[in-house]
Amino acid sequence: MAVRNRNVARDLWAGAARAALGDGRRLEAVERLTGGTTKGVYRLTMDDATTAVAYVWDESENYWPATEGDGDLTDPFSPGVGLDLFEAAHRRLDALGLRVPEIHLIDRGRTRHPADLAIVEDFPGENLLELVDRDPRAAEPTVARLAEALEAMRAHRAPGFGKVAVVDAGGSAAAPSCEQAALAFALRCLAEAAARDRRIADARDRLDERLRELAAAVHPRAEYSVVHGELGFDHVLVDRHGHPVLIDIDELLYFDVEWEHVFLRLRHPDGHWRPLAVEGLDEDRLALYTLTQRLSLTAGPLRLLDGDFPDRAFMRGIAEHHGGEALAMVSGA
């Protein structure tokens, strides 16, 4: 099991911070930020109060236990991790005119830090979820701009589907279609969840049958939009002009737009997603992707609990909730 870098040595960051933010500044403090599961996230504060955020990709920062298929970038849902994915996603969103954190420094040669590193613009205030919960009226302009950003993502057409880093480099996903990729992912999640949750194990055959029925009902399509993949209001920061800033973009996909809207609904059952709703979504794809994501949000947290992820009660609660919702989709079958 990897040893976590829980004690942050300021001297380790000094050279990279100066290179990113200017030799005239001195690094004052390094603070680990919470929430990441695949990379380390740190706030760097300089002696003039300038701040930046550092992303670190290193085995010791990745809480996910290894599993078969890790690193297979031709699978849209493989746990691809790394600086290359981040850079490709950043380029694509920036080219679409979306607000993403400005990159101050990229260090993949490990000349300034012992791991792959990106230092980016910091937004130390509230994220959009916090703003919406505190003052819904004040959040309305930012939510409206987020809807415009999602429309720009939805309107883009890629030549194929899969991870943005793969497709933009001329590659493609291994599966023949989005729905077949999702079905294969759902069946993997079902197997993982069944191995760890007796309720899922007892209903495995019914869930398997339902997944295949839902996939068979989907009509072919060859329109692939830009999809964040884990878009919740907590993955949107707010700049000083009220513009939404997308973060946690490493898993950016070209995929069915329905995938994004299913995740928004599952992430925000309180209805925060409603101002972002769009017309014309495919109900068959929504049904397949809902069950797929329910199973993913059961299996993923349970797999994290095989390792040393610290907030164990939180992850177990996610797995319990989504496992129950998946079972409700086949109740009486």
C-alpha atoms as a PDB file:
ATOM      1  CA  MET A   1       0.000   0.000   0.000  1.00  0.00           C
ATOM      2  CA  ALA A   2       1.347   3.418  -0.916  1.00  0.00           C
ATOM      3  CA  VAL A   3       2.491   5.736   1.834  1.00  0.00           C
ATOM      4  CA  ARG A   4       0.619   9.044   1.670  1.00  0.00           C
ATOM      5  CA  ASN A   5       2.535  12.311   1.606  1.00  0.00           C
ATOM      6  CA  ARG A   6       0.646  13.638   4.614  1.00  0.00           C
ATOM      7  CA  ASN A   7       3.433  15.889   5.913  1.00  0.00           C
ATOM      8  CA  VAL A   8       4.190  18.534   3.320  1.00  0.00           C
ATOM      9  CA  ALA A   9       7.807  19.754   3.233  1.00  0.00           C
ATOM     10  CA  ARG A  10       7.763  23.412   2.168  1.00  0.00           C
ATOM     11  CA  ASP A  11      11.335  23.258   0.873  1.00  0.00           C
ATOM     12  CA  LEU A  12      10.252  20.599  -1.647  1.00  0.00           C
ATOM     13  CA  TRP A  13       7.945  23.137  -3.306  1.00  0.00           C
ATOM     14  CA  ALA A  14      10.028  26.306  -3.169  1.00  0.00           C
ATOM     15  CA  GLY A  15      11.714  26.043  -6.587  1.00  0.00           C
ATOM     16  CA  ALA A  16       8.563  25.029  -8.437  1.00  0.00           C
ATOM     17  CA  ALA A  17       6.571  27.823  -6.780  1.00  0.00           C
ATOM     18  CA  ARG A  18       9.134  30.442  -7.777  1.00  0.00           C
ATOM     19  CA  ALA A  19       9.254  29.122 -11.343  1.00  0.00           C
ATOM     20  CA  ALA A  20       5.455  29.283 -11.564  1.00  0.00           C
ATOM     21  CA  LEU A  21       4.806  32.585  -9.818  1.00  0.00           C
ATOM     22  CA  GLY A  22       8.010  34.593 -10.134  1.00  0.00           C
ATOM     23  CA  ASP A  23      11.483  34.682  -8.607  1.00  0.00           C
ATOM     24  CA  GLY A  24      10.599  37.818  -6.680  1.00  0.00           C
ATOM     25  CA  ARG A  25       8.283  35.870  -4.399  1.00  0.00           C
ATOM     26  CA  ARG A  26       9.087  33.461  -1.581  1.00  0.00           C
ATOM     27  CA  LEU A  27       6.956  30.446  -0.728  1.00  0.00           C
ATOM     28  CA  GLU A  28       5.283  31.018   2.621  1.00  0.00           C
ATOM     29  CA  ALA A  29       2.995  27.997   3.088  1.00  0.00           C
ATOM     30  CA  VAL A  30       1.789  24.753   1.499  1.00  0.00           C
ATOM     31  CA  GLU A  31      -1.666  23.416   2.359  1.00  0.00           C
ATOM     32  CA  ARG A  32      -3.071  20.065   1.300  1.00  0.00           C
ATOM     33  CA  LEU A  33      -6.613  20.414  -0.015  1.00  0.00           C
ATOM     34  CA  THR A  34      -9.126  17.633   0.505  1.00  0.00           C
ATOM     35  CA  GLY A  35     -11.311  15.765  -1.960  1.00  0.00           C
ATOM     36  CA  GLY A  36      -8.944  14.267  -4.531  1.00  0.00           C
ATOM     37  CA  THR A  37      -8.676  10.502  -4.946  1.00  0.00           C
ATOM     38  CA  THR A  38      -6.264  10.187  -7.913  1.00  0.00           C
ATOM     39  CA  LYS A  39      -3.919  13.148  -7.497  1.00  0.00           C
ATOM     40  CA  GLY A  40      -2.628  15.398  -4.762  1.00  0.00           C
ATOM     41  CA  VAL A  41      -4.004  18.939  -4.632  1.00  0.00           C
ATOM     42  CA  TYR A  42      -2.145  21.651  -2.714  1.00  0.00           C
ATOM     43  CA  ARG A  43      -2.538  25.392  -2.238  1.00  0.00           C
ATOM     44  CA  LEU A  44       0.745  27.313  -2.443  1.00  0.00           C
ATOM     45  CA  THR A  45       0.840  30.697  -0.691  1.00  0.00           C
ATOM     46  CA  MET A  46       3.647  33.156  -1.373  1.00  0.00           C
ATOM     47  CA  ASP A  47       4.987  35.864   0.930  1.00  0.00           C
ATOM     48  CA  ASP A  48       2.930  38.543  -0.869  1.00  0.00           C
ATOM     49  CA  ALA A  49      -0.296  36.497  -0.379  1.00  0.00           C
ATOM     50  CA  THR A  50      -0.330  35.356  -4.032  1.00  0.00           C
ATOM     51  CA  THR A  51      -1.738  31.829  -4.205  1.00  0.00           C
ATOM     52  CA  ALA A  52      -1.796  28.996  -6.723  1.00  0.00           C
ATOM     53  CA  VAL A  53      -2.934  25.381  -6.751  1.00  0.00           C
ATOM     54  CA  ALA A  54      -0.568  22.488  -7.456  1.00  0.00           C
ATOM     55  CA  TYR A  55      -1.705  19.171  -8.910  1.00  0.00           C
ATOM     56  CA  VAL A  56       0.613  16.233  -8.271  1.00  0.00           C
ATOM     57  CA  TRP A  57       0.328  12.894 -10.078  1.00  0.00           C
ATOM     58  CA  ASP A  58       2.171  10.218  -8.143  1.00  0.00           C
ATOM     59  CA  GLU A  59       1.384   6.708  -6.931  1.00  0.00           C
ATOM     60  CA  SER A  60       1.491   7.901  -3.338  1.00  0.00           C
ATOM     61  CA  GLU A  61      -1.320  10.368  -4.092  1.00  0.00           C
ATOM     62  CA  ASN A  62      -3.672   7.827  -5.685  1.00  0.00           C
ATOM     63  CA  TYR A  63      -6.097   6.182  -3.265  1.00  0.00           C
ATOM     64  CA  TRP A  64      -7.516   3.717  -5.791  1.00  0.00           C
ATOM     65  CA  PRO A  65      -6.394   0.076  -5.412  1.00  0.00           C
ATOM     66  CA  ALA A  66      -5.066  -1.307  -8.677  1.00  0.00           C
ATOM     67  CA  THR A  67      -7.470  -3.296 -10.815  1.00  0.00           C
ATOM     68  CA  GLU A  68      -7.432  -5.028 -14.177  1.00  0.00           C
ATOM     69  CA  GLY A  69      -7.631  -2.581 -17.052  1.00  0.00           C
ATOM     70  CA  ASP A  70      -6.019   0.349 -15.246  1.00  0.00           C
ATOM     71  CA  GLY A  71      -4.314   2.592 -17.754  1.00  0.00           C
ATOM     72  CA  ASP A  72      -6.175   1.238 -20.809  1.00  0.00           C
ATOM     73  CA  LEU A  73      -6.916   4.602 -22.358  1.00  0.00           C
ATOM     74  CA  THR A  74      -8.959   3.037 -25.170  1.00  0.00           C
ATOM     75  CA  ASP A  75     -11.605   2.304 -22.512  1.00  0.00           C
ATOM     76  CA  PRO A  76     -13.495   5.559 -21.833  1.00  0.00           C
ATOM     77  CA  PHE A  77     -14.108   4.451 -18.249  1.00  0.00           C
ATOM     78  CA  SER A  78     -10.702   3.107 -17.301  1.00  0.00           C
ATOM     79  CA  PRO A  79      -9.144   5.007 -14.388  1.00  0.00           C
ATOM     80  CA  GLY A  80      -6.788   6.983 -16.580  1.00  0.00           C
ATOM     81  CA  VAL A  81      -4.582   9.161 -14.408  1.00  0.00           C
ATOM     82  CA  GLY A  82      -1.893  11.612 -15.363  1.00  0.00           C
ATOM     83  CA  LEU A  83      -0.666  14.943 -16.562  1.00  0.00           C
ATOM     84  CA  ASP A  84      -1.229  14.110 -20.253  1.00  0.00           C
ATOM     85  CA  LEU A  85      -4.967  13.644 -19.688  1.00  0.00           C
ATOM     86  CA  PHE A  86      -5.179  16.914 -17.778  1.00  0.00           C
ATOM     87  CA  GLU A  87      -3.344  18.858 -20.468  1.00  0.00           C
ATOM     88  CA  ALA A  88      -5.485  17.443 -23.286  1.00  0.00           C
ATOM     89  CA  ALA A  89      -8.684  18.223 -21.404  1.00  0.00           C
ATOM     90  CA  HIS A  90      -7.480  21.734 -20.607  1.00  0.00           C
ATOM     91  CA  ARG A  91      -6.641  22.399 -24.274  1.00  0.00           C
ATOM     92  CA  ARG A  92     -10.042  21.187 -25.462  1.00  0.00           C
ATOM     93  CA  LEU A  93     -12.076  23.217 -22.963  1.00  0.00           C
ATOM     94  CA  ASP A  94      -9.960  26.313 -23.523  1.00  0.00           C
ATOM     95  CA  ALA A  95     -10.419  25.973 -27.302  1.00  0.00           C
ATOM     96  CA  LEU A  96     -14.193  25.892 -26.744  1.00  0.00           C
ATOM     97  CA  GLY A  97     -13.971  29.164 -24.839  1.00  0.00           C
ATOM     98  CA  LEU A  98     -14.705  27.703 -21.428  1.00  0.00           C
ATOM     99  CA  ARG A  99     -13.118  29.091 -18.284  1.00  0.00           C
ATOM    100  CA  VAL A 100     -10.532  26.718 -16.836  1.00  0.00           C
ATOM    101  CA  PRO A 101      -7.712  27.557 -14.408  1.00  0.00           C
ATOM    102  CA  GLU A 102      -4.782  29.194 -16.162  1.00  0.00           C
ATOM    103  CA  ILE A 103      -1.685  26.987 -16.183  1.00  0.00           C
ATOM    104  CA  HIS A 104       1.354  28.649 -14.607  1.00  0.00           C
ATOM    105  CA  LEU A 105       3.749  25.694 -14.825  1.00  0.00           C
ATOM    106  CA  ILE A 106       3.921  22.178 -16.231  1.00  0.00           C
ATOM    107  CA  ASP A 107       6.755  19.936 -15.045  1.00  0.00           C
ATOM    108  CA  ARG A 108       6.670  16.433 -16.470  1.00  0.00           C
ATOM    109  CA  GLY A 109      10.458  15.980 -16.409  1.00  0.00           C
ATOM    110  CA  ARG A 110      10.504  16.059 -12.591  1.00  0.00           C
ATOM    111  CA  THR A 111      13.145  18.761 -12.642  1.00  0.00           C
ATOM    112  CA  ARG A 112      11.438  20.873  -9.974  1.00  0.00           C
ATOM    113  CA  HIS A 113       9.446  18.239  -8.086  1.00  0.00           C
ATOM    114  CA  PRO A 114       9.751  14.452  -7.627  1.00  0.00           C
ATOM    115  CA  ALA A 115       6.420  13.816  -9.404  1.00  0.00           C
ATOM    116  CA  ASP A 116       4.562  15.065 -12.466  1.00  0.00           C
ATOM    117  CA  LEU A 117       3.290  18.507 -11.579  1.00  0.00           C
ATOM    118  CA  ALA A 118       1.004  21.296 -12.783  1.00  0.00           C
ATOM    119  CA  ILE A 119       0.675  24.617 -10.978  1.00  0.00           C
ATOM    120  CA  VAL A 120      -2.486  26.477 -11.906  1.00  0.00           C
ATOM    121  CA  GLU A 121      -4.543  29.535 -11.096  1.00  0.00           C
ATOM    122  CA  ASP A 122      -6.229  29.496  -7.690  1.00  0.00           C
ATOM    123  CA  PHE A 123      -9.822  30.451  -6.869  1.00  0.00           C
ATOM    124  CA  PRO A 124      -9.845  30.431  -3.058  1.00  0.00           C
ATOM    125  CA  GLY A 125     -13.506  31.419  -2.562  1.00  0.00           C
ATOM    126  CA  GLU A 126     -16.683  29.355  -2.677  1.00  0.00           C
ATOM    127  CA  ASN A 127     -17.382  26.701  -5.258  1.00  0.00           C
ATOM    128  CA  LEU A 128     -20.688  26.920  -7.097  1.00  0.00           C
ATOM    129  CA  LEU A 129     -22.420  24.390  -4.831  1.00  0.00           C
ATOM    130  CA  GLU A 130     -21.537  26.419  -1.760  1.00  0.00           C
ATOM    131  CA  LEU A 131     -22.703  29.618  -3.448  1.00  0.00           C
ATOM    132  CA  VAL A 132     -26.017  28.089  -4.571  1.00  0.00           C
ATOM    133  CA  ASP A 133     -26.684  26.734  -1.088  1.00  0.00           C
ATOM    134  CA  ARG A 134     -25.817  30.044   0.588  1.00  0.00           C
ATOM    135  CA  ASP A 135     -27.457  32.481  -1.824  1.00  0.00           C
ATOM    136  CA  PRO A 136     -29.383  30.946  -4.745  1.00  0.00           C
ATOM    137  CA  ARG A 137     -30.259  34.338  -6.241  1.00  0.00           C
ATOM    138  CA  ALA A 138     -26.631  35.496  -6.251  1.00  0.00           C
ATOM    139  CA  ALA A 139     -25.658  32.226  -7.960  1.00  0.00           C
ATOM    140  CA  GLU A 140     -28.153  32.586 -10.825  1.00  0.00           C
ATOM    141  CA  PRO A 141     -25.818  34.452 -13.256  1.00  0.00           C
ATOM    142  CA  THR A 142     -23.055  31.889 -12.734  1.00  0.00           C
ATOM    143  CA  VAL A 143     -25.467  28.990 -13.220  1.00  0.00           C
ATOM    144  CA  ALA A 144     -26.737  30.637 -16.423  1.00  0.00           C
ATOM    145  CA  ARG A 145     -23.161  30.957 -17.697  1.00  0.00           C
ATOM    146  CA  LEU A 146     -22.557  27.307 -16.799  1.00  0.00           C
ATOM    147  CA  ALA A 147     -25.567  26.380 -18.937  1.00  0.00           C
ATOM    148  CA  GLU A 148     -23.991  28.321 -21.825  1.00  0.00           C
ATOM    149  CA  ALA A 149     -20.694  26.476 -21.273  1.00  0.00           C
ATOM    150  CA  LEU A 150     -22.470  23.122 -21.354  1.00  0.00           C
ATOM    151  CA  GLU A 151     -24.199  24.136 -24.573  1.00  0.00           C
ATOM    152  CA  ALA A 152     -20.804  24.853 -26.143  1.00  0.00           C
ATOM    153  CA  MET A 153     -19.624  21.409 -25.023  1.00  0.00           C
ATOM    154  CA  ARG A 154     -22.797  19.764 -26.313  1.00  0.00           C
ATOM    155  CA  ALA A 155     -22.564  21.499 -29.698  1.00  0.00           C
ATOM    156  CA  HIS A 156     -19.010  20.308 -30.368  1.00  0.00           C
ATOM    157  CA  ARG A 157     -18.721  17.230 -32.582  1.00  0.00           C
ATOM    158  CA  ALA A 158     -15.754  14.891 -32.314  1.00  0.00           C
ATOM    159  CA  PRO A 159     -14.735  12.304 -34.936  1.00  0.00           C
ATOM    160  CA  GLY A 160     -15.056   9.495 -32.409  1.00  0.00           C
ATOM    161  CA  PHE A 161     -15.823   8.809 -28.768  1.00  0.00           C
ATOM    162  CA  GLY A 162     -13.504   8.123 -25.859  1.00  0.00           C
ATOM    163  CA  LYS A 163     -11.053   9.997 -23.717  1.00  0.00           C
ATOM    164  CA  VAL A 164     -10.282  13.421 -25.163  1.00  0.00           C
ATOM    165  CA  ALA A 165      -6.555  12.762 -24.891  1.00  0.00           C
ATOM    166  CA  VAL A 166      -6.936   9.639 -27.041  1.00  0.00           C
ATOM    167  CA  VAL A 167      -9.288  10.991 -29.709  1.00  0.00           C
ATOM    168  CA  ASP A 168      -7.454  14.301 -30.112  1.00  0.00           C
ATOM    169  CA  ALA A 169      -4.264  12.324 -30.703  1.00  0.00           C
ATOM    170  CA  GLY A 170      -5.921  10.386 -33.535  1.00  0.00           C
ATOM    171  CA  GLY A 171      -6.948   7.326 -31.534  1.00  0.00           C
ATOM    172  CA  SER A 172     -10.314   5.836 -30.719  1.00  0.00           C
ATOM    173  CA  ALA A 173     -12.131   3.811 -28.097  1.00  0.00           C
ATOM    174  CA  ALA A 174     -12.006   0.034 -28.368  1.00  0.00           C
ATOM    175  CA  ALA A 175     -15.776  -0.457 -28.041  1.00  0.00           C
ATOM    176  CA  PRO A 176     -17.985  -0.097 -31.133  1.00  0.00           C
ATOM    177  CA  SER A 177     -20.368   2.446 -29.570  1.00  0.00           C
ATOM    178  CA  CYS A 178     -20.963   4.571 -26.497  1.00  0.00           C
ATOM    179  CA  GLU A 179     -23.741   2.298 -25.280  1.00  0.00           C
ATOM    180  CA  GLN A 180     -21.595  -0.826 -25.672  1.00  0.00           C
ATOM    181  CA  ALA A 181     -18.741   0.847 -23.776  1.00  0.00           C
ATOM    182  CA  ALA A 182     -21.199   1.787 -21.034  1.00  0.00           C
ATOM    183  CA  LEU A 183     -22.632  -1.745 -20.912  1.00  0.00           C
ATOM    184  CA  ALA A 184     -19.182  -3.282 -20.531  1.00  0.00           C
ATOM    185  CA  PHE A 185     -18.396  -0.761 -17.778  1.00  0.00           C
ATOM    186  CA  ALA A 186     -21.695  -1.446 -16.023  1.00  0.00           C
ATOM    187  CA  LEU A 187     -21.099  -5.199 -16.062  1.00  0.00           C
ATOM    188  CA  ARG A 188     -17.641  -4.691 -14.543  1.00  0.00           C
ATOM    189  CA  CYS A 189     -19.140  -2.472 -11.863  1.00  0.00           C
ATOM    190  CA  LEU A 190     -21.849  -5.069 -11.216  1.00  0.00           C
ATOM    191  CA  ALA A 191     -19.245  -7.792 -10.733  1.00  0.00           C
ATOM    192  CA  GLU A 192     -17.185  -5.592  -8.391  1.00  0.00           C
ATOM    193  CA  ALA A 193     -20.205  -4.527  -6.364  1.00  0.00           C
ATOM    194  CA  ALA A 194     -21.550  -8.083  -6.128  1.00  0.00           C
ATOM    195  CA  ALA A 195     -18.215  -9.254  -4.726  1.00  0.00           C
ATOM    196  CA  ARG A 196     -18.489  -6.703  -1.898  1.00  0.00           C
ATOM    197  CA  ASP A 197     -22.224  -6.226  -1.274  1.00  0.00           C
ATOM    198  CA  ARG A 198     -24.556  -9.139  -0.529  1.00  0.00           C
ATOM    199  CA  ARG A 199     -27.640  -7.200  -1.701  1.00  0.00           C
ATOM    200  CA  ILE A 200     -26.120  -6.693  -5.139  1.00  0.00           C
ATOM    201  CA  ALA A 201     -24.875 -10.278  -5.260  1.00  0.00           C
ATOM    202  CA  ASP A 202     -28.388 -11.604  -4.595  1.00  0.00           C
ATOM    203  CA  ALA A 203     -29.808  -9.467  -7.429  1.00  0.00           C
ATOM    204  CA  ARG A 204     -26.909  -9.874  -9.831  1.00  0.00           C
ATOM    205  CA  ASP A 205     -28.771 -11.892 -12.446  1.00  0.00           C
ATOM    206  CA  ARG A 206     -31.690  -9.435 -12.523  1.00  0.00           C
ATOM    207  CA  LEU A 207     -29.338  -6.458 -12.789  1.00  0.00           C
ATOM    208  CA  ASP A 208     -27.339  -8.150 -15.544  1.00  0.00           C
ATOM    209  CA  GLU A 209     -30.507  -8.903 -17.509  1.00  0.00           C
ATOM    210  CA  ARG A 210     -31.835  -5.369 -17.078  1.00  0.00           C
ATOM    211  CA  LEU A 211     -28.570  -3.798 -18.243  1.00  0.00           C
ATOM    212  CA  ARG A 212     -28.601  -5.873 -21.410  1.00  0.00           C
ATOM    213  CA  GLU A 213     -32.253  -5.001 -22.068  1.00  0.00           C
ATOM    214  CA  LEU A 214     -31.558  -1.297 -21.672  1.00  0.00           C
ATOM    215  CA  ALA A 215     -28.513  -1.442 -23.953  1.00  0.00           C
ATOM    216  CA  ALA A 216     -30.446  -3.346 -26.620  1.00  0.00           C
ATOM    217  CA  ALA A 217     -33.135  -0.637 -26.651  1.00  0.00           C
ATOM    218  CA  VAL A 218     -30.669   2.121 -27.581  1.00  0.00           C
ATOM    219  CA  HIS A 219     -30.722   3.108 -31.254  1.00  0.00           C
ATOM    220  CA  PRO A 220     -27.377   3.751 -33.000  1.00  0.00           C
ATOM    221  CA  ARG A 221     -25.973   7.262 -32.988  1.00  0.00           C
ATOM    222  CA  ALA A 222     -22.667   8.793 -34.101  1.00  0.00           C
ATOM    223  CA  GLU A 223     -22.688  12.246 -32.515  1.00  0.00           C
ATOM    224  CA  TYR A 224     -20.122  12.711 -29.788  1.00  0.00           C
ATOM    225  CA  SER A 225     -20.089  15.776 -27.563  1.00  0.00           C
ATOM    226  CA  VAL A 226     -17.636  16.988 -24.949  1.00  0.00           C
ATOM    227  CA  VAL A 227     -18.576  15.533 -21.559  1.00  0.00           C
ATOM    228  CA  HIS A 228     -16.942  16.409 -18.236  1.00  0.00           C
ATOM    229  CA  GLY A 229     -17.918  13.052 -16.775  1.00  0.00           C
ATOM    230  CA  GLU A 230     -18.194  14.042 -13.106  1.00  0.00           C
ATOM    231  CA  LEU A 231     -19.829  17.440 -13.388  1.00  0.00           C
ATOM    232  CA  GLY A 232     -21.350  18.573 -10.136  1.00  0.00           C
ATOM    233  CA  PHE A 233     -21.587  22.109  -8.805  1.00  0.00           C
ATOM    234  CA  ASP A 234     -18.733  21.239  -6.437  1.00  0.00           C
ATOM    235  CA  HIS A 235     -16.489  20.788  -9.501  1.00  0.00           C
ATOM    236  CA  VAL A 236     -17.220  24.336 -10.623  1.00  0.00           C
ATOM    237  CA  LEU A 237     -15.382  27.273  -9.068  1.00  0.00           C
ATOM    238  CA  VAL A 238     -16.419  30.917  -9.418  1.00  0.00           C
ATOM    239  CA  ASP A 239     -14.015  33.636 -10.525  1.00  0.00           C
ATOM    240  CA  ARG A 240     -14.204  37.252  -9.373  1.00  0.00           C
ATOM    241  CA  HIS A 241     -16.385  38.152 -12.351  1.00  0.00           C
ATOM    242  CA  GLY A 242     -18.900  35.402 -11.553  1.00  0.00           C
ATOM    243  CA  HIS A 243     -17.809  33.120 -14.376  1.00  0.00           C
ATOM    244  CA  PRO A 244     -17.915  29.352 -13.788  1.00  0.00           C
ATOM    245  CA  VAL A 245     -14.496  27.651 -13.804  1.00  0.00           C
ATOM    246  CA  LEU A 246     -14.392  23.899 -14.524  1.00  0.00           C
ATOM    247  CA  ILE A 247     -12.015  21.782 -12.441  1.00  0.00           C
ATOM    248  CA  ASP A 248     -11.364  18.038 -12.028  1.00  0.00           C
ATOM    249  CA  ILE A 249     -11.284  17.791 -15.798  1.00  0.00           C
ATOM    250  CA  ASP A 250      -8.850  14.870 -16.159  1.00  0.00           C
ATOM    251  CA  GLU A 251     -11.540  12.396 -17.279  1.00  0.00           C
ATOM    252  CA  LEU A 252     -12.961  14.623 -20.038  1.00  0.00           C
ATOM    253  CA  LEU A 253     -14.672  12.505 -22.711  1.00  0.00           C
ATOM    254  CA  TYR A 254     -16.195  12.655 -26.136  1.00  0.00           C
ATOM    255  CA  PHE A 255     -19.406  10.778 -25.461  1.00  0.00           C
ATOM    256  CA  ASP A 256     -23.196  10.891 -25.445  1.00  0.00           C
ATOM    257  CA  VAL A 257     -24.402  14.113 -23.854  1.00  0.00           C
ATOM    258  CA  GLU A 258     -26.914  12.047 -21.853  1.00  0.00           C
ATOM    259  CA  TRP A 259     -24.031  10.746 -19.728  1.00  0.00           C
ATOM    260  CA  GLU A 260     -23.415  14.261 -18.390  1.00  0.00           C
ATOM    261  CA  HIS A 261     -27.037  14.944 -17.602  1.00  0.00           C
ATOM    262  CA  VAL A 262     -27.527  11.640 -15.785  1.00  0.00           C
ATOM    263  CA  PHE A 263     -24.561  12.448 -13.554  1.00  0.00           C
ATOM    264  CA  LEU A 264     -25.923  15.936 -12.837  1.00  0.00           C
ATOM    265  CA  ARG A 265     -29.269  14.478 -11.791  1.00  0.00           C
ATOM    266  CA  LEU A 266     -27.694  11.842  -9.566  1.00  0.00           C
ATOM    267  CA  ARG A 267     -25.259  14.325  -8.040  1.00  0.00           C
ATOM    268  CA  HIS A 268     -27.987  16.902  -7.350  1.00  0.00           C
ATOM    269  CA  PRO A 269     -31.246  15.140  -6.437  1.00  0.00           C
ATOM    270  CA  ASP A 270     -32.238  18.411  -4.731  1.00  0.00           C
ATOM    271  CA  GLY A 271     -32.885  19.877  -8.186  1.00  0.00           C
ATOM    272  CA  HIS A 272     -29.835  22.111  -8.612  1.00  0.00           C
ATOM    273  CA  TRP A 273     -29.467  20.544 -12.070  1.00  0.00           C
ATOM    274  CA  ARG A 274     -32.793  21.861 -13.389  1.00  0.00           C
ATOM    275  CA  PRO A 275     -31.456  25.182 -14.824  1.00  0.00           C
ATOM    276  CA  LEU A 276     -28.985  23.083 -16.841  1.00  0.00           C
ATOM    277  CA  ALA A 277     -31.614  20.717 -18.295  1.00  0.00           C
ATOM    278  CA  VAL A 278     -31.897  20.518 -22.083  1.00  0.00           C
ATOM    279  CA  GLU A 279     -34.540  19.300 -24.503  1.00  0.00           C
ATOM    280  CA  GLY A 280     -34.269  16.298 -26.794  1.00  0.00           C
ATOM    281  CA  LEU A 281     -32.291  13.859 -24.649  1.00  0.00           C
ATOM    282  CA  ASP A 282     -32.670  10.192 -25.575  1.00  0.00           C
ATOM    283  CA  GLU A 283     -34.764   8.450 -22.917  1.00  0.00           C
ATOM    284  CA  ASP A 284     -33.290   5.021 -23.702  1.00  0.00           C
ATOM    285  CA  ARG A 285     -29.760   6.309 -23.207  1.00  0.00           C
ATOM    286  CA  LEU A 286     -30.800   8.089 -20.018  1.00  0.00           C
ATOM    287  CA  ALA A 287     -32.196   4.815 -18.651  1.00  0.00           C
ATOM    288  CA  LEU A 288     -29.080   2.794 -19.495  1.00  0.00           C
ATOM    289  CA  TYR A 289     -26.711   5.425 -18.180  1.00  0.00           C
ATOM    290  CA  THR A 290     -28.709   5.876 -14.979  1.00  0.00           C
ATOM    291  CA  LEU A 291     -28.374   2.217 -14.017  1.00  0.00           C
ATOM    292  CA  THR A 292     -24.741   2.195 -15.164  1.00  0.00           C
ATOM    293  CA  GLN A 293     -23.870   5.179 -13.005  1.00  0.00           C
ATOM    294  CA  ARG A 294     -25.792   3.824 -10.031  1.00  0.00           C
ATOM    295  CA  LEU A 295     -23.658   0.682 -10.216  1.00  0.00           C
ATOM    296  CA  SER A 296     -20.487   2.710 -10.733  1.00  0.00           C
ATOM    297  CA  LEU A 297     -21.290   4.792  -7.659  1.00  0.00           C
ATOM    298  CA  THR A 298     -21.746   1.559  -5.723  1.00  0.00           C
ATOM    299  CA  ALA A 299     -18.687  -0.324  -6.928  1.00  0.00           C
ATOM    300  CA  GLY A 300     -16.282   2.629  -6.958  1.00  0.00           C
ATOM    301  CA  PRO A 301     -16.690   3.650  -3.315  1.00  0.00           C
ATOM    302  CA  LEU A 302     -16.554   0.013  -2.212  1.00  0.00           C
ATOM    303  CA  ARG A 303     -13.277  -0.431  -4.083  1.00  0.00           C
ATOM    304  CA  LEU A 304     -11.884   2.707  -2.483  1.00  0.00           C
ATOM    305  CA  LEU A 305     -12.687   1.128   0.884  1.00  0.00           C
ATOM    306  CA  ASP A 306     -10.346  -1.752  -0.021  1.00  0.00           C
ATOM    307  CA  GLY A 307      -7.539   0.805   0.316  1.00  0.00           C
ATOM    308  CA  ASP A 308      -6.774   3.499   2.871  1.00  0.00           C
ATOM    309  CA  PHE A 309      -9.136   6.271   1.783  1.00  0.00           C
ATOM    310  CA  PRO A 310      -9.669   8.296   4.978  1.00  0.00           C
ATOM    311  CA  ASP A 311     -13.339   9.352   4.868  1.00  0.00           C
ATOM    312  CA  ARG A 312     -14.698   5.842   5.035  1.00  0.00           C
ATOM    313  CA  ALA A 313     -18.169   6.612   6.371  1.00  0.00           C
ATOM    314  CA  PHE A 314     -18.766   9.064   3.520  1.00  0.00           C
ATOM    315  CA  MET A 315     -17.793   6.514   0.866  1.00  0.00           C
ATOM    316  CA  ARG A 316     -19.812   3.769   2.479  1.00  0.00           C
ATOM    317  CA  GLY A 317     -22.837   6.070   2.516  1.00  0.00           C
ATOM    318  CA  ILE A 318     -22.484   6.728  -1.214  1.00  0.00           C
ATOM    319  CA  ALA A 319     -22.274   3.004  -1.944  1.00  0.00           C
ATOM    320  CA  GLU A 320     -25.273   2.213   0.266  1.00  0.00           C
ATOM    321  CA  HIS A 321     -27.429   4.881  -1.354  1.00  0.00           C
ATOM    322  CA  HIS A 322     -26.655   4.127  -4.981  1.00  0.00           C
ATOM    323  CA  GLY A 323     -26.718   0.382  -4.428  1.00  0.00           C
ATOM    324  CA  GLY A 324     -30.224   0.732  -3.036  1.00  0.00           C
ATOM    325  CA  GLU A 325     -31.285   2.871  -5.986  1.00  0.00           C
ATOM    326  CA  ALA A 326     -29.870   0.341  -8.457  1.00  0.00           C
ATOM    327  CA  LEU A 327     -31.813  -2.418  -6.754  1.00  0.00           C
ATOM    328  CA  ALA A 328     -34.980  -0.317  -6.921  1.00  0.00           C
ATOM    329  CA  MET A 329     -34.595  -0.236 -10.711  1.00  0.00           C
ATOM    330  CA  VAL A 330     -35.069  -4.020 -10.860  1.00  0.00           C
ATOM    331  CA  SER A 331     -37.454  -4.475  -7.948  1.00  0.00           C
ATOM    332  CA  GLY A 332     -40.225  -6.873  -8.874  1.00  0.00           C
ATOM    333  CA  ALA A 333     -38.346  -8.083 -11.963  1.00  0.00           C
END
